[in-house]
Amino acid sequence: MDIPEDTVADLQRRLRRIEGQVRGIHTMLGEQRDCRDVVTQISAATRALEQTGFLLVAAGLSWCLANPDASAAEGLGLDEVQKMFLKLS
């Protein structure tokens, strides 16, 4: 699958931000911060990770639709992309 460079860069930026959020959660736990604050941050990191996954699947779907023969040859037909999407939902 050929994902545009700008999409890959966006995905990497998102993942770096999520890494920072997870490190922050780890620090919050070490500091014994209020449980509600920690859960709020876990929820935000979870949503950010889900959105990153959806962006990746959307890019894959676009590529599959634009390149049906190549995607089928790579085993990434629309049915496989649908399965990836359903794993995220």
N, C-alpha and C. Protein backbone atom coordinates (compact mmCIF):
# COMPACT_ATOMS: atom_id res chain seq x y z
N MET A 1 0.84 -1.17 0.00
CA MET A 1 0.00 0.00 0.00
C MET A 1 0.89 1.24 0.00
N ASP A 2 0.56 2.15 -0.85
CA ASP A 2 1.35 3.38 -0.98
C ASP A 2 0.56 4.53 -0.36
N ILE A 3 0.98 4.92 0.84
CA ILE A 3 0.31 6.01 1.55
C ILE A 3 1.08 7.30 1.26
N PRO A 4 0.38 8.37 0.92
CA PRO A 4 1.07 9.64 0.62
C PRO A 4 1.97 10.08 1.78
N GLU A 5 3.10 10.69 1.42
CA GLU A 5 4.08 11.11 2.43
C GLU A 5 3.49 12.07 3.45
N ASP A 6 2.61 12.97 3.01
CA ASP A 6 2.03 13.91 3.97
C ASP A 6 1.12 13.20 4.97
N THR A 7 0.46 12.13 4.53
CA THR A 7 -0.37 11.35 5.44
C THR A 7 0.50 10.60 6.44
N VAL A 8 1.60 10.02 5.96
CA VAL A 8 2.53 9.32 6.86
C VAL A 8 3.08 10.30 7.89
N ALA A 9 3.45 11.48 7.44
CA ALA A 9 3.98 12.50 8.37
C ALA A 9 2.93 12.87 9.41
N ASP A 10 1.68 13.01 8.99
CA ASP A 10 0.60 13.33 9.92
C ASP A 10 0.42 12.19 10.92
N LEU A 11 0.43 10.96 10.45
CA LEU A 11 0.29 9.81 11.34
C LEU A 11 1.43 9.77 12.36
N GLN A 12 2.64 10.04 11.91
CA GLN A 12 3.79 10.04 12.82
C GLN A 12 3.68 11.15 13.85
N ARG A 13 3.22 12.33 13.43
CA ARG A 13 3.03 13.44 14.39
C ARG A 13 2.00 13.06 15.44
N ARG A 14 0.91 12.46 14.98
CA ARG A 14 -0.13 12.04 15.92
C ARG A 14 0.40 11.03 16.92
N LEU A 15 1.17 10.07 16.43
CA LEU A 15 1.71 9.03 17.31
C LEU A 15 2.71 9.61 18.31
N ARG A 16 3.51 10.56 17.90
CA ARG A 16 4.43 11.22 18.84
C ARG A 16 3.64 11.96 19.93
N ARG A 17 2.56 12.60 19.53
CA ARG A 17 1.73 13.31 20.51
C ARG A 17 1.11 12.31 21.49
N ILE A 18 0.66 11.17 20.98
CA ILE A 18 0.08 10.14 21.84
C ILE A 18 1.13 9.58 22.79
N GLU A 19 2.35 9.40 22.29
CA GLU A 19 3.44 8.94 23.17
C GLU A 19 3.62 9.91 24.33
N GLY A 20 3.58 11.19 24.03
CA GLY A 20 3.69 12.20 25.07
C GLY A 20 2.55 12.12 26.07
N GLN A 21 1.35 11.88 25.56
CA GLN A 21 0.19 11.75 26.45
C GLN A 21 0.37 10.55 27.38
N VAL A 22 0.84 9.44 26.84
CA VAL A 22 1.01 8.23 27.65
C VAL A 22 2.11 8.45 28.70
N ARG A 23 3.19 9.11 28.32
CA ARG A 23 4.24 9.43 29.30
C ARG A 23 3.66 10.32 30.40
N GLY A 24 2.81 11.27 30.01
CA GLY A 24 2.17 12.14 30.99
C GLY A 24 1.28 11.36 31.95
N ILE A 25 0.57 10.38 31.43
CA ILE A 25 -0.28 9.54 32.28
C ILE A 25 0.58 8.76 33.27
N HIS A 26 1.69 8.24 32.79
CA HIS A 26 2.60 7.51 33.66
C HIS A 26 3.10 8.42 34.78
N THR A 27 3.45 9.64 34.44
CA THR A 27 3.91 10.61 35.44
C THR A 27 2.79 10.92 36.43
N MET A 28 1.59 11.11 35.92
CA MET A 28 0.45 11.41 36.79
C MET A 28 0.24 10.30 37.82
N LEU A 29 0.37 9.06 37.38
CA LEU A 29 0.21 7.94 38.30
C LEU A 29 1.30 7.96 39.37
N GLY A 30 2.53 8.23 38.94
CA GLY A 30 3.63 8.31 39.90
C GLY A 30 3.45 9.42 40.91
N GLU A 31 2.79 10.48 40.49
CA GLU A 31 2.53 11.62 41.38
C GLU A 31 1.25 11.43 42.18
N GLN A 32 0.59 10.30 41.98
CA GLN A 32 -0.68 9.98 42.65
C GLN A 32 -1.73 11.07 42.43
N ARG A 33 -1.83 11.48 41.18
CA ARG A 33 -2.83 12.49 40.82
C ARG A 33 -4.22 11.91 40.96
N ASP A 34 -5.20 12.78 41.00
CA ASP A 34 -6.60 12.38 41.15
C ASP A 34 -6.99 11.41 40.04
N CYS A 35 -7.68 10.37 40.40
CA CYS A 35 -8.11 9.33 39.47
C CYS A 35 -8.89 9.89 38.29
N ARG A 36 -9.74 10.87 38.56
CA ARG A 36 -10.55 11.47 37.48
C ARG A 36 -9.67 12.13 36.44
N ASP A 37 -8.60 12.80 36.88
CA ASP A 37 -7.69 13.44 35.94
C ASP A 37 -6.97 12.40 35.08
N VAL A 38 -6.55 11.31 35.72
CA VAL A 38 -5.85 10.25 34.99
C VAL A 38 -6.78 9.61 33.97
N VAL A 39 -7.99 9.32 34.37
CA VAL A 39 -8.96 8.70 33.45
C VAL A 39 -9.26 9.64 32.29
N THR A 40 -9.35 10.92 32.54
CA THR A 40 -9.58 11.90 31.47
C THR A 40 -8.45 11.84 30.45
N GLN A 41 -7.22 11.75 30.93
CA GLN A 41 -6.08 11.69 30.02
C GLN A 41 -6.02 10.36 29.27
N ILE A 42 -6.38 9.27 29.94
CA ILE A 42 -6.43 7.97 29.26
C ILE A 42 -7.48 8.01 28.16
N SER A 43 -8.61 8.60 28.45
CA SER A 43 -9.67 8.72 27.45
C SER A 43 -9.21 9.54 26.25
N ALA A 44 -8.52 10.64 26.51
CA ALA A 44 -8.03 11.49 25.41
C ALA A 44 -7.02 10.73 24.56
N ALA A 45 -6.12 9.99 25.19
CA ALA A 45 -5.12 9.22 24.44
C ALA A 45 -5.79 8.12 23.62
N THR A 46 -6.79 7.50 24.19
CA THR A 46 -7.53 6.45 23.47
C THR A 46 -8.21 7.02 22.24
N ARG A 47 -8.87 8.14 22.38
CA ARG A 47 -9.53 8.78 21.24
C ARG A 47 -8.52 9.18 20.17
N ALA A 48 -7.40 9.70 20.60
CA ALA A 48 -6.36 10.11 19.64
C ALA A 48 -5.82 8.90 18.88
N LEU A 49 -5.64 7.79 19.56
CA LEU A 49 -5.15 6.58 18.91
C LEU A 49 -6.19 6.03 17.94
N GLU A 50 -7.45 6.07 18.33
CA GLU A 50 -8.52 5.62 17.43
C GLU A 50 -8.57 6.48 16.17
N GLN A 51 -8.47 7.79 16.33
CA GLN A 51 -8.50 8.69 15.18
C GLN A 51 -7.31 8.44 14.25
N THR A 52 -6.17 8.13 14.83
CA THR A 52 -4.98 7.82 14.03
C THR A 52 -5.23 6.55 13.22
N GLY A 53 -5.82 5.56 13.85
CA GLY A 53 -6.15 4.33 13.14
C GLY A 53 -7.14 4.56 12.02
N PHE A 54 -8.16 5.37 12.27
CA PHE A 54 -9.14 5.67 11.24
C PHE A 54 -8.50 6.40 10.06
N LEU A 55 -7.58 7.30 10.35
CA LEU A 55 -6.89 8.00 9.27
C LEU A 55 -6.07 7.03 8.42
N LEU A 56 -5.41 6.10 9.07
CA LEU A 56 -4.63 5.10 8.34
C LEU A 56 -5.53 4.23 7.47
N VAL A 57 -6.64 3.77 8.02
CA VAL A 57 -7.56 2.94 7.24
C VAL A 57 -8.17 3.74 6.09
N ALA A 58 -8.49 5.01 6.32
CA ALA A 58 -9.04 5.85 5.25
C ALA A 58 -8.03 6.00 4.11
N ALA A 59 -6.77 6.18 4.47
CA ALA A 59 -5.73 6.28 3.44
C ALA A 59 -5.62 4.96 2.68
N GLY A 60 -5.72 3.85 3.39
CA GLY A 60 -5.68 2.55 2.74
C GLY A 60 -6.85 2.33 1.82
N LEU A 61 -8.02 2.74 2.26
CA LEU A 61 -9.22 2.60 1.44
C LEU A 61 -9.09 3.43 0.16
N SER A 62 -8.61 4.65 0.31
CA SER A 62 -8.41 5.51 -0.87
C SER A 62 -7.46 4.85 -1.86
N TRP A 63 -6.37 4.29 -1.33
CA TRP A 63 -5.40 3.64 -2.20
C TRP A 63 -6.02 2.42 -2.88
N CYS A 64 -6.78 1.63 -2.13
CA CYS A 64 -7.41 0.44 -2.71
C CYS A 64 -8.39 0.80 -3.83
N LEU A 65 -9.15 1.86 -3.62
CA LEU A 65 -10.11 2.28 -4.63
C LEU A 65 -9.42 2.82 -5.88
N ALA A 66 -8.30 3.51 -5.68
CA ALA A 66 -7.57 4.09 -6.81
C ALA A 66 -6.72 3.04 -7.54
N ASN A 67 -6.36 1.96 -6.85
CA ASN A 67 -5.47 0.93 -7.41
C ASN A 67 -6.02 -0.47 -7.13
N PRO A 68 -7.18 -0.80 -7.68
CA PRO A 68 -7.81 -2.08 -7.33
C PRO A 68 -6.97 -3.30 -7.67
N ASP A 69 -6.27 -3.29 -8.79
CA ASP A 69 -5.47 -4.46 -9.17
C ASP A 69 -4.28 -4.62 -8.24
N ALA A 70 -3.59 -3.53 -7.95
CA ALA A 70 -2.43 -3.59 -7.05
C ALA A 70 -2.86 -3.98 -5.64
N SER A 71 -3.97 -3.43 -5.18
CA SER A 71 -4.42 -3.76 -3.83
C SER A 71 -4.82 -5.23 -3.73
N ALA A 72 -5.47 -5.75 -4.75
CA ALA A 72 -5.84 -7.17 -4.75
C ALA A 72 -4.59 -8.04 -4.76
N ALA A 73 -3.59 -7.63 -5.52
CA ALA A 73 -2.34 -8.39 -5.59
C ALA A 73 -1.62 -8.41 -4.23
N GLU A 74 -1.80 -7.36 -3.44
CA GLU A 74 -1.19 -7.29 -2.11
C GLU A 74 -2.08 -7.90 -1.04
N GLY A 75 -3.23 -8.45 -1.44
CA GLY A 75 -4.14 -9.03 -0.47
C GLY A 75 -4.91 -8.00 0.33
N LEU A 76 -5.05 -6.81 -0.25
CA LEU A 76 -5.76 -5.72 0.43
C LEU A 76 -6.99 -5.30 -0.35
N GLY A 77 -7.83 -6.26 -0.64
CA GLY A 77 -9.08 -5.93 -1.29
C GLY A 77 -9.98 -5.14 -0.35
N LEU A 78 -11.07 -4.67 -0.87
CA LEU A 78 -11.99 -3.87 -0.04
C LEU A 78 -12.48 -4.63 1.18
N ASP A 79 -12.64 -5.94 1.04
CA ASP A 79 -13.09 -6.73 2.19
C ASP A 79 -12.07 -6.71 3.32
N GLU A 80 -10.78 -6.72 2.98
CA GLU A 80 -9.73 -6.67 4.00
C GLU A 80 -9.68 -5.30 4.66
N VAL A 81 -9.84 -4.25 3.88
CA VAL A 81 -9.86 -2.89 4.45
C VAL A 81 -11.08 -2.74 5.36
N GLN A 82 -12.20 -3.31 4.96
CA GLN A 82 -13.39 -3.28 5.81
C GLN A 82 -13.12 -3.97 7.14
N LYS A 83 -12.44 -5.09 7.13
CA LYS A 83 -12.10 -5.79 8.37
C LYS A 83 -11.23 -4.91 9.26
N MET A 84 -10.27 -4.20 8.64
CA MET A 84 -9.42 -3.31 9.43
C MET A 84 -10.26 -2.21 10.08
N PHE A 85 -11.19 -1.65 9.32
CA PHE A 85 -12.04 -0.60 9.85
C PHE A 85 -12.87 -1.14 11.01
N LEU A 86 -13.43 -2.32 10.85
CA LEU A 86 -14.26 -2.89 11.91
C LEU A 86 -13.47 -3.21 13.16
N LYS A 87 -12.19 -3.50 13.03
CA LYS A 87 -11.36 -3.72 14.22
C LYS A 87 -11.25 -2.44 15.04
N LEU A 88 -11.32 -1.30 14.38
CA LEU A 88 -11.20 -0.02 15.08
C LEU A 88 -12.51 0.46 15.67
N SER A 89 -13.60 -0.01 15.12
CA SER A 89 -14.90 0.51 15.57
C SER A 89 -15.46 -0.25 16.75
